[in-house]
C-alpha atoms as a PDB file:
ATOM      1  CA  MET A   1     -12.718 -31.030 -53.456  1.00  0.00           C
ATOM      2  CA  ARG A   2     -12.789 -28.294 -56.095  1.00  0.00           C
ATOM      3  CA  GLU A   3     -16.218 -26.727 -55.882  1.00  0.00           C
ATOM      4  CA  ASN A   4     -18.740 -26.845 -58.696  1.00  0.00           C
ATOM      5  CA  ALA A   5     -18.951 -23.134 -59.508  1.00  0.00           C
ATOM      6  CA  VAL A   6     -22.119 -23.639 -61.549  1.00  0.00           C
ATOM      7  CA  LYS A   7     -23.901 -25.059 -58.508  1.00  0.00           C
ATOM      8  CA  ARG A   8     -22.863 -22.013 -56.519  1.00  0.00           C
ATOM      9  CA  LEU A   9     -24.445 -19.758 -59.151  1.00  0.00           C
ATOM     10  CA  TRP A  10     -27.654 -21.774 -59.060  1.00  0.00           C
ATOM     11  CA  GLU A  11     -27.782 -21.604 -55.280  1.00  0.00           C
ATOM     12  CA  GLN A  12     -27.809 -17.799 -55.654  1.00  0.00           C
ATOM     13  CA  ASP A  13     -30.485 -17.965 -58.387  1.00  0.00           C
ATOM     14  CA  ARG A  14     -27.982 -16.617 -60.905  1.00  0.00           C
ATOM     15  CA  PRO A  15     -27.732 -17.786 -64.534  1.00  0.00           C
ATOM     16  CA  ALA A  16     -24.850 -19.956 -65.674  1.00  0.00           C
ATOM     17  CA  PHE A  17     -23.776 -19.217 -69.246  1.00  0.00           C
ATOM     18  CA  GLY A  18     -22.458 -22.107 -71.260  1.00  0.00           C
ATOM     19  CA  GLY A  19     -20.713 -23.194 -74.418  1.00  0.00           C
ATOM     20  CA  TRP A  20     -21.119 -26.308 -76.525  1.00  0.00           C
ATOM     21  CA  LEU A  21     -18.312 -28.416 -77.955  1.00  0.00           C
ATOM     22  CA  THR A  22     -18.874 -30.615 -81.027  1.00  0.00           C
ATOM     23  CA  ILE A  23     -15.430 -30.369 -82.686  1.00  0.00           C
ATOM     24  CA  PRO A  24     -13.106 -33.194 -81.586  1.00  0.00           C
ATOM     25  CA  SER A  25     -10.190 -30.999 -80.542  1.00  0.00           C
ATOM     26  CA  ALA A  26      -8.529 -30.325 -77.207  1.00  0.00           C
ATOM     27  CA  PHE A  27      -7.207 -27.037 -78.559  1.00  0.00           C
ATOM     28  CA  SER A  28     -10.615 -25.702 -79.605  1.00  0.00           C
ATOM     29  CA  ALA A  29     -11.947 -26.782 -76.194  1.00  0.00           C
ATOM     30  CA  GLU A  30      -9.112 -24.866 -74.535  1.00  0.00           C
ATOM     31  CA  VAL A  31      -9.832 -21.764 -76.622  1.00  0.00           C
ATOM     32  CA  MET A  32     -13.535 -21.919 -75.700  1.00  0.00           C
ATOM     33  CA  ALA A  33     -12.693 -22.461 -72.026  1.00  0.00           C
ATOM     34  CA  HIS A  34     -10.718 -19.213 -71.972  1.00  0.00           C
ATOM     35  CA  GLN A  35     -13.730 -17.118 -73.061  1.00  0.00           C
ATOM     36  CA  ASN A  36     -15.225 -16.501 -69.593  1.00  0.00           C
ATOM     37  CA  LEU A  37     -17.989 -19.079 -69.880  1.00  0.00           C
ATOM     38  CA  ASP A  38     -19.377 -20.632 -66.703  1.00  0.00           C
ATOM     39  CA  TRP A  39     -19.653 -24.138 -68.177  1.00  0.00           C
ATOM     40  CA  LEU A  40     -18.657 -26.055 -71.265  1.00  0.00           C
ATOM     41  CA  CYS A  41     -20.377 -29.199 -72.464  1.00  0.00           C
ATOM     42  CA  ILE A  42     -18.539 -31.822 -74.502  1.00  0.00           C
ATOM     43  CA  ASP A  43     -21.189 -33.322 -76.774  1.00  0.00           C
ATOM     44  CA  MET A  44     -20.634 -37.061 -77.148  1.00  0.00           C
ATOM     45  CA  GLN A  45     -24.149 -37.610 -78.470  1.00  0.00           C
ATOM     46  CA  HIS A  46     -24.279 -35.530 -81.652  1.00  0.00           C
ATOM     47  CA  GLY A  47     -20.750 -34.114 -81.603  1.00  0.00           C
ATOM     48  CA  LEU A  48     -17.906 -35.864 -83.438  1.00  0.00           C
ATOM     49  CA  ILE A  49     -16.178 -36.826 -80.188  1.00  0.00           C
ATOM     50  CA  ASP A  50     -15.076 -40.211 -78.834  1.00  0.00           C
ATOM     51  CA  TYR A  51     -13.838 -41.068 -75.329  1.00  0.00           C
ATOM     52  CA  ASP A  52     -10.128 -40.503 -75.920  1.00  0.00           C
ATOM     53  CA  THR A  53     -10.746 -37.081 -77.426  1.00  0.00           C
ATOM     54  CA  ALA A  54     -13.268 -36.166 -74.720  1.00  0.00           C
ATOM     55  CA  LEU A  55     -10.626 -36.981 -72.092  1.00  0.00           C
ATOM     56  CA  ALA A  56      -8.111 -34.637 -73.734  1.00  0.00           C
ATOM     57  CA  MET A  57     -10.796 -31.959 -73.966  1.00  0.00           C
ATOM     58  CA  LEU A  58     -11.557 -32.292 -70.244  1.00  0.00           C
ATOM     59  CA  GLN A  59      -7.854 -31.838 -69.542  1.00  0.00           C
ATOM     60  CA  ALA A  60      -7.794 -28.717 -71.730  1.00  0.00           C
ATOM     61  CA  ILE A  61     -10.827 -27.215 -69.993  1.00  0.00           C
ATOM     62  CA  SER A  62      -9.192 -27.823 -66.613  1.00  0.00           C
ATOM     63  CA  THR A  63      -6.578 -25.160 -67.413  1.00  0.00           C
ATOM     64  CA  THR A  64      -9.358 -22.655 -66.622  1.00  0.00           C
ATOM     65  CA  ALA A  65     -12.100 -22.097 -64.040  1.00  0.00           C
ATOM     66  CA  THR A  66     -14.804 -23.199 -66.490  1.00  0.00           C
ATOM     67  CA  THR A  67     -16.908 -26.088 -65.180  1.00  0.00           C
ATOM     68  CA  PRO A  68     -16.745 -29.162 -67.463  1.00  0.00           C
ATOM     69  CA  PHE A  69     -19.918 -31.029 -68.402  1.00  0.00           C
ATOM     70  CA  VAL A  70     -20.409 -33.921 -70.827  1.00  0.00           C
ATOM     71  CA  ARG A  71     -23.499 -34.859 -72.758  1.00  0.00           C
ATOM     72  CA  VAL A  72     -23.284 -38.626 -72.842  1.00  0.00           C
ATOM     73  CA  PRO A  73     -24.491 -40.546 -75.912  1.00  0.00           C
ATOM     74  CA  TRP A  74     -27.379 -42.162 -74.035  1.00  0.00           C
ATOM     75  CA  ASN A  75     -28.761 -42.913 -70.579  1.00  0.00           C
ATOM     76  CA  ASP A  76     -26.177 -45.630 -70.091  1.00  0.00           C
ATOM     77  CA  THR A  77     -24.721 -46.309 -66.656  1.00  0.00           C
ATOM     78  CA  ALA A  78     -21.309 -47.339 -67.968  1.00  0.00           C
ATOM     79  CA  ILE A  79     -20.569 -44.208 -69.994  1.00  0.00           C
ATOM     80  CA  ILE A  80     -21.985 -41.894 -67.311  1.00  0.00           C
ATOM     81  CA  MET A  81     -19.642 -43.391 -64.716  1.00  0.00           C
ATOM     82  CA  LYS A  82     -16.711 -43.382 -67.121  1.00  0.00           C
ATOM     83  CA  MET A  83     -17.083 -39.683 -67.951  1.00  0.00           C
ATOM     84  CA  LEU A  84     -17.404 -38.734 -64.284  1.00  0.00           C
ATOM     85  CA  ASP A  85     -14.270 -40.749 -63.528  1.00  0.00           C
ATOM     86  CA  ALA A  86     -12.563 -38.785 -66.318  1.00  0.00           C
ATOM     87  CA  GLY A  87     -13.340 -35.520 -64.529  1.00  0.00           C
ATOM     88  CA  ALA A  88     -16.716 -34.294 -65.786  1.00  0.00           C
ATOM     89  CA  TYR A  89     -18.483 -32.286 -63.100  1.00  0.00           C
ATOM     90  CA  GLY A  90     -21.880 -33.076 -64.534  1.00  0.00           C
ATOM     91  CA  VAL A  91     -23.600 -35.128 -67.196  1.00  0.00           C
ATOM     92  CA  ILE A  92     -26.409 -34.104 -69.511  1.00  0.00           C
ATOM     93  CA  VAL A  93     -28.436 -37.231 -70.250  1.00  0.00           C
ATOM     94  CA  PRO A  94     -30.490 -37.250 -73.468  1.00  0.00           C
ATOM     95  CA  MET A  95     -34.054 -38.463 -73.988  1.00  0.00           C
ATOM     96  CA  VAL A  96     -35.088 -39.027 -70.365  1.00  0.00           C
ATOM     97  CA  ASN A  97     -38.792 -39.798 -70.636  1.00  0.00           C
ATOM     98  CA  SER A  98     -39.869 -41.251 -67.292  1.00  0.00           C
ATOM     99  CA  ARG A  99     -39.248 -41.253 -63.572  1.00  0.00           C
ATOM    100  CA  ALA A 100     -37.518 -44.641 -63.845  1.00  0.00           C
ATOM    101  CA  GLU A 101     -35.121 -43.317 -66.484  1.00  0.00           C
ATOM    102  CA  ALA A 102     -34.352 -40.260 -64.338  1.00  0.00           C
ATOM    103  CA  GLU A 103     -33.712 -42.526 -61.342  1.00  0.00           C
ATOM    104  CA  ALA A 104     -31.282 -44.595 -63.426  1.00  0.00           C
ATOM    105  CA  ALA A 105     -29.366 -41.473 -64.502  1.00  0.00           C
ATOM    106  CA  VAL A 106     -29.127 -40.173 -60.936  1.00  0.00           C
ATOM    107  CA  ALA A 107     -28.048 -43.559 -59.580  1.00  0.00           C
ATOM    108  CA  ALA A 108     -25.149 -43.679 -62.052  1.00  0.00           C
ATOM    109  CA  CYS A 109     -23.983 -40.240 -60.830  1.00  0.00           C
ATOM    110  CA  ARG A 110     -24.038 -40.999 -57.079  1.00  0.00           C
ATOM    111  CA  TYR A 111     -21.915 -43.199 -54.877  1.00  0.00           C
ATOM    112  CA  PRO A 112     -23.757 -45.524 -52.453  1.00  0.00           C
ATOM    113  CA  PRO A 113     -25.961 -45.260 -50.546  1.00  0.00           C
ATOM    114  CA  GLN A 114     -27.504 -42.539 -52.778  1.00  0.00           C
ATOM    115  CA  GLY A 115     -26.687 -44.417 -55.977  1.00  0.00           C
ATOM    116  CA  ILE A 116     -24.774 -47.246 -57.605  1.00  0.00           C
ATOM    117  CA  ARG A 117     -21.703 -45.451 -58.940  1.00  0.00           C
ATOM    118  CA  SER A 118     -18.633 -47.630 -58.725  1.00  0.00           C
ATOM    119  CA  PHE A 119     -15.566 -46.079 -57.098  1.00  0.00           C
ATOM    120  CA  GLY A 120     -12.642 -45.319 -59.387  1.00  0.00           C
ATOM    121  CA  PRO A 121     -12.216 -41.592 -60.109  1.00  0.00           C
ATOM    122  CA  ILE A 122      -9.021 -42.296 -61.991  1.00  0.00           C
ATOM    123  CA  ARG A 123      -8.574 -38.741 -63.320  1.00  0.00           C
ATOM    124  CA  ALA A 124     -11.294 -36.938 -61.374  1.00  0.00           C
ATOM    125  CA  VAL A 125      -9.282 -37.175 -58.170  1.00  0.00           C
ATOM    126  CA  TYR A 126      -6.433 -35.197 -59.781  1.00  0.00           C
ATOM    127  CA  TYR A 127      -8.779 -32.553 -61.146  1.00  0.00           C
ATOM    128  CA  ALA A 128     -11.108 -32.336 -58.148  1.00  0.00           C
ATOM    129  CA  GLY A 129      -8.929 -33.203 -55.172  1.00  0.00           C
ATOM    130  CA  SER A 130      -8.005 -36.114 -52.935  1.00  0.00           C
ATOM    131  CA  ASP A 131     -11.242 -35.749 -50.943  1.00  0.00           C
ATOM    132  CA  TYR A 132     -13.324 -36.405 -54.065  1.00  0.00           C
ATOM    133  CA  PHE A 133     -15.302 -39.301 -52.610  1.00  0.00           C
ATOM    134  CA  ALA A 134     -16.425 -37.309 -49.581  1.00  0.00           C
ATOM    135  CA  HIS A 135     -17.979 -34.527 -51.671  1.00  0.00           C
ATOM    136  CA  ALA A 136     -18.706 -35.888 -55.159  1.00  0.00           C
ATOM    137  CA  ASN A 137     -22.367 -36.682 -54.450  1.00  0.00           C
ATOM    138  CA  GLN A 138     -22.925 -33.030 -53.513  1.00  0.00           C
ATOM    139  CA  GLU A 139     -20.836 -31.396 -56.268  1.00  0.00           C
ATOM    140  CA  VAL A 140     -21.433 -33.536 -59.379  1.00  0.00           C
ATOM    141  CA  VAL A 141     -24.670 -32.624 -61.172  1.00  0.00           C
ATOM    142  CA  CYS A 142     -27.143 -34.842 -63.012  1.00  0.00           C
ATOM    143  CA  ILE A 143     -29.070 -33.110 -65.799  1.00  0.00           C
ATOM    144  CA  PRO A 144     -31.719 -35.125 -67.671  1.00  0.00           C
ATOM    145  CA  GLN A 145     -32.880 -33.732 -70.999  1.00  0.00           C
ATOM    146  CA  ILE A 146     -36.566 -33.036 -71.552  1.00  0.00           C
ATOM    147  CA  GLU A 147     -37.180 -33.318 -75.271  1.00  0.00           C
ATOM    148  CA  THR A 148     -40.271 -35.428 -75.980  1.00  0.00           C
ATOM    149  CA  THR A 149     -44.005 -35.369 -75.370  1.00  0.00           C
ATOM    150  CA  ALA A 150     -43.528 -38.472 -73.184  1.00  0.00           C
ATOM    151  CA  ALA A 151     -41.200 -36.467 -70.938  1.00  0.00           C
ATOM    152  CA  LEU A 152     -43.765 -33.663 -70.799  1.00  0.00           C
ATOM    153  CA  GLU A 153     -46.414 -36.117 -69.639  1.00  0.00           C
ATOM    154  CA  ASN A 154     -44.059 -37.415 -66.940  1.00  0.00           C
ATOM    155  CA  LEU A 155     -42.576 -34.076 -65.873  1.00  0.00           C
ATOM    156  CA  ASP A 156     -43.570 -34.235 -62.219  1.00  0.00           C
ATOM    157  CA  GLY A 157     -42.265 -37.772 -61.913  1.00  0.00           C
ATOM    158  CA  ILE A 158     -38.907 -36.856 -63.475  1.00  0.00           C
ATOM    159  CA  LEU A 159     -38.469 -33.643 -61.500  1.00  0.00           C
ATOM    160  CA  SER A 160     -39.411 -35.239 -58.176  1.00  0.00           C
ATOM    161  CA  VAL A 161     -36.473 -37.668 -58.354  1.00  0.00           C
ATOM    162  CA  GLU A 162     -34.027 -36.751 -55.609  1.00  0.00           C
ATOM    163  CA  GLY A 163     -30.668 -35.953 -57.169  1.00  0.00           C
ATOM    164  CA  VAL A 164     -31.969 -34.340 -60.359  1.00  0.00           C
ATOM    165  CA  ASP A 165     -30.151 -31.010 -60.141  1.00  0.00           C
ATOM    166  CA  ALA A 166     -31.380 -29.491 -63.393  1.00  0.00           C
ATOM    167  CA  VAL A 167     -33.159 -30.420 -66.578  1.00  0.00           C
ATOM    168  CA  TYR A 168     -32.159 -29.262 -70.039  1.00  0.00           C
ATOM    169  CA  ILE A 169     -34.597 -28.649 -72.862  1.00  0.00           C
ATOM    170  CA  GLY A 170     -33.575 -29.901 -76.283  1.00  0.00           C
ATOM    171  CA  PRO A 171     -35.628 -27.521 -78.475  1.00  0.00           C
ATOM    172  CA  MET A 172     -35.231 -29.366 -81.750  1.00  0.00           C
ATOM    173  CA  ASP A 173     -36.194 -32.837 -80.548  1.00  0.00           C
ATOM    174  CA  LEU A 174     -38.999 -31.392 -78.445  1.00  0.00           C
ATOM    175  CA  SER A 175     -40.290 -29.506 -81.491  1.00  0.00           C
ATOM    176  CA  ILE A 176     -40.180 -32.682 -83.592  1.00  0.00           C
ATOM    177  CA  SER A 177     -42.009 -34.598 -80.864  1.00  0.00           C
ATOM    178  CA  LEU A 178     -44.708 -31.913 -80.932  1.00  0.00           C
ATOM    179  CA  GLY A 179     -45.107 -32.366 -84.688  1.00  0.00           C
ATOM    180  CA  LEU A 180     -43.188 -29.196 -85.568  1.00  0.00           C
ATOM    181  CA  PRO A 181     -40.088 -28.595 -87.705  1.00  0.00           C
ATOM    182  CA  PRO A 182     -36.851 -28.627 -85.671  1.00  0.00           C
ATOM    183  CA  GLN A 183     -36.006 -25.084 -84.576  1.00  0.00           C
ATOM    184  CA  MET A 184     -33.684 -23.706 -81.922  1.00  0.00           C
ATOM    185  CA  ASP A 185     -35.511 -20.491 -81.004  1.00  0.00           C
ATOM    186  CA  SER A 186     -39.088 -21.196 -81.978  1.00  0.00           C
ATOM    187  CA  ASP A 187     -41.960 -19.229 -80.505  1.00  0.00           C
ATOM    188  CA  VAL A 188     -44.621 -21.364 -82.186  1.00  0.00           C
ATOM    189  CA  PRO A 189     -47.404 -21.592 -79.582  1.00  0.00           C
ATOM    190  CA  ALA A 190     -47.227 -25.364 -79.046  1.00  0.00           C
ATOM    191  CA  TYR A 191     -43.484 -25.232 -78.362  1.00  0.00           C
ATOM    192  CA  ALA A 192     -43.627 -22.000 -76.334  1.00  0.00           C
ATOM    193  CA  GLU A 193     -46.357 -23.519 -74.146  1.00  0.00           C
ATOM    194  CA  ALA A 194     -44.285 -26.667 -73.601  1.00  0.00           C
ATOM    195  CA  ARG A 195     -41.247 -24.575 -72.684  1.00  0.00           C
ATOM    196  CA  GLN A 196     -43.284 -22.604 -70.160  1.00  0.00           C
ATOM    197  CA  ARG A 197     -44.781 -25.790 -68.760  1.00  0.00           C
ATOM    198  CA  ILE A 198     -41.301 -27.190 -68.098  1.00  0.00           C
ATOM    199  CA  LEU A 199     -40.166 -23.940 -66.492  1.00  0.00           C
ATOM    200  CA  GLU A 200     -43.161 -23.848 -64.143  1.00  0.00           C
ATOM    201  CA  ALA A 201     -42.662 -27.501 -63.187  1.00  0.00           C
ATOM    202  CA  CYS A 202     -39.009 -26.791 -62.374  1.00  0.00           C
ATOM    203  CA  ARG A 203     -40.109 -23.990 -60.040  1.00  0.00           C
ATOM    204  CA  ARG A 204     -42.526 -26.329 -58.250  1.00  0.00           C
ATOM    205  CA  HIS A 205     -39.828 -28.925 -57.687  1.00  0.00           C
ATOM    206  CA  ASN A 206     -36.905 -26.535 -57.026  1.00  0.00           C
ATOM    207  CA  VAL A 207     -34.979 -27.891 -60.016  1.00  0.00           C
ATOM    208  CA  VAL A 208     -32.856 -25.646 -62.251  1.00  0.00           C
ATOM    209  CA  ALA A 209     -34.312 -25.088 -65.712  1.00  0.00           C
ATOM    210  CA  GLY A 210     -31.835 -25.206 -68.587  1.00  0.00           C
ATOM    211  CA  ILE A 211     -32.220 -24.779 -72.321  1.00  0.00           C
ATOM    212  CA  HIS A 212     -30.294 -25.001 -75.569  1.00  0.00           C
ATOM    213  CA  SER A 213     -30.411 -21.437 -76.901  1.00  0.00           C
ATOM    214  CA  THR A 214     -28.538 -18.899 -78.992  1.00  0.00           C
ATOM    215  CA  VAL A 215     -26.970 -15.517 -78.350  1.00  0.00           C
ATOM    216  CA  ALA A 216     -30.203 -13.942 -79.612  1.00  0.00           C
ATOM    217  CA  SER A 217     -32.578 -15.934 -77.394  1.00  0.00           C
ATOM    218  CA  ALA A 218     -30.446 -16.394 -74.253  1.00  0.00           C
ATOM    219  CA  PRO A 219     -31.418 -13.029 -72.687  1.00  0.00           C
ATOM    220  CA  LYS A 220     -35.110 -13.848 -73.201  1.00  0.00           C
ATOM    221  CA  ARG A 221     -34.713 -17.248 -71.558  1.00  0.00           C
ATOM    222  CA  ILE A 222     -32.905 -15.726 -68.569  1.00  0.00           C
ATOM    223  CA  ALA A 223     -35.726 -13.206 -68.155  1.00  0.00           C
ATOM    224  CA  GLU A 224     -38.206 -16.094 -68.196  1.00  0.00           C
ATOM    225  CA  GLY A 225     -36.328 -17.839 -65.391  1.00  0.00           C
ATOM    226  CA  PHE A 226     -33.935 -20.287 -67.038  1.00  0.00           C
ATOM    227  CA  ARG A 227     -30.661 -20.538 -65.122  1.00  0.00           C
ATOM    228  CA  MET A 228     -28.645 -22.870 -67.385  1.00  0.00           C
ATOM    229  CA  VAL A 229     -28.412 -21.123 -70.734  1.00  0.00           C
ATOM    230  CA  LEU A 230     -26.293 -21.824 -73.792  1.00  0.00           C
ATOM    231  CA  ALA A 231     -24.507 -18.764 -75.162  1.00  0.00           C
ATOM    232  CA  SER A 232     -22.257 -20.158 -77.917  1.00  0.00           C
ATOM    233  CA  SER A 233     -20.947 -23.283 -79.605  1.00  0.00           C
ATOM    234  CA  ASP A 234     -17.624 -24.033 -81.227  1.00  0.00           C
ATOM    235  CA  SER A 235     -18.788 -25.007 -84.717  1.00  0.00           C
ATOM    236  CA  SER A 236     -21.394 -22.251 -85.123  1.00  0.00           C
ATOM    237  CA  ALA A 237     -19.036 -19.586 -83.741  1.00  0.00           C
ATOM    238  CA  LEU A 238     -16.300 -20.717 -86.131  1.00  0.00           C
ATOM    239  CA  ALA A 239     -18.635 -20.696 -89.139  1.00  0.00           C
ATOM    240  CA  ARG A 240     -20.063 -17.299 -88.200  1.00  0.00           C
ATOM    241  CA  ALA A 241     -16.649 -15.664 -87.683  1.00  0.00           C
ATOM    242  CA  VAL A 242     -15.171 -17.057 -90.902  1.00  0.00           C
ATOM    243  CA  GLY A 243     -18.285 -16.044 -92.829  1.00  0.00           C
ATOM    244  CA  GLU A 244     -18.069 -12.497 -91.499  1.00  0.00           C
ATOM    245  CA  ASP A 245     -14.356 -12.303 -92.316  1.00  0.00           C
ATOM    246  CA  ILE A 246     -14.701 -13.535 -95.874  1.00  0.00           C
ATOM    247  CA  ARG A 247     -17.651 -11.245 -96.568  1.00  0.00           C
ATOM    248  CA  ALA A 248     -15.614  -8.300 -95.317  1.00  0.00           C
ATOM    249  CA  VAL A 249     -12.618  -9.273 -97.454  1.00  0.00           C
ATOM    250  CA  ARG A 250     -14.675  -9.945-100.581  1.00  0.00           C
ATOM    251  CA  GLY A 251     -16.468  -6.644-100.064  1.00  0.00           C
ATOM    252  CA  ALA A 252     -13.096  -4.887-100.129  1.00  0.00           C
ATOM    253  CA  GLU A 253     -12.182  -6.275-103.589  1.00  0.00           C
ATOM    254  CA  PRO A 254     -11.946  -3.650-106.338  1.00  0.00           C
ATOM    255  CA  GLY A 255     -15.230  -3.637-108.235  1.00  0.00           C
ATOM    256  CA  ALA A 256     -17.062  -5.702-105.607  1.00  0.00           C
ATOM    257  CA  PRO A 257     -20.426  -4.340-104.354  1.00  0.00           C
ATOM    258  CA  GLY A 258     -19.514  -1.826-101.688  1.00  0.00           C
ATOM    259  CA  GLY A 259     -15.801  -2.174-102.445  1.00  0.00           C
ATOM    260  CA  PRO A 260     -13.302   0.212-104.064  1.00  0.00           C
ATOM    261  CA  GLY A 261     -14.123   1.050-107.669  1.00  0.00           C
ATOM    262  CA  TYR A 262     -17.689  -0.290-107.518  1.00  0.00           C
ATOM    263  CA  GLN A 263     -20.144   1.645-109.721  1.00  0.00           C
END
């Protein structure tokens, strides 16, 4: 079976840098996959992506060495199994708030006797290899999201579930749950304390800590100990690049501030 390169990084206590896909396009996924990222996550929760498009995006990512993840819409056994069968090497599961919910997510990711996943890796076997069944339980990763005060209260229960490989902080939902405005890189004390609490709990349970971040905050999170760190996303990168281009072009217009002929 094709190895999960992200797991190998984690086993060496090295950070895995990721990208986020919200645009429903196999081509944009392919472009992102060629940018030397360690992992790419297809966002089926808040992204504009349905199953058919997600499948094409997984195929596009597989032209590279980038490890494909999917954030499923919800902690639903059927869609978790379906995305793994399509070739995802891991699932990010939103709004996991209890040990029981973490157990359900893990069970959907694992073949018996470790879980309840039904056998039928219809595309995964072509992407991963003919020995998929023998190794899938060890290579496929299950990543619950920690993004509510309920999850904070149940951290030890969630992280002690065998088969939870990593957890992923959703900063905006966690901020909202704490009574704060939604922010990606907040250092408001209540949120910063919650972030540190999750990180310390991950260390106790030997679970990888992951977080939704930006290019500005990613180095800080790595220094803190996070090993699954977002570096870029398709829609924000597109908007930023186009904005920079148009500002440069408009600035070059005759008479424009900073442009030729400006007085």
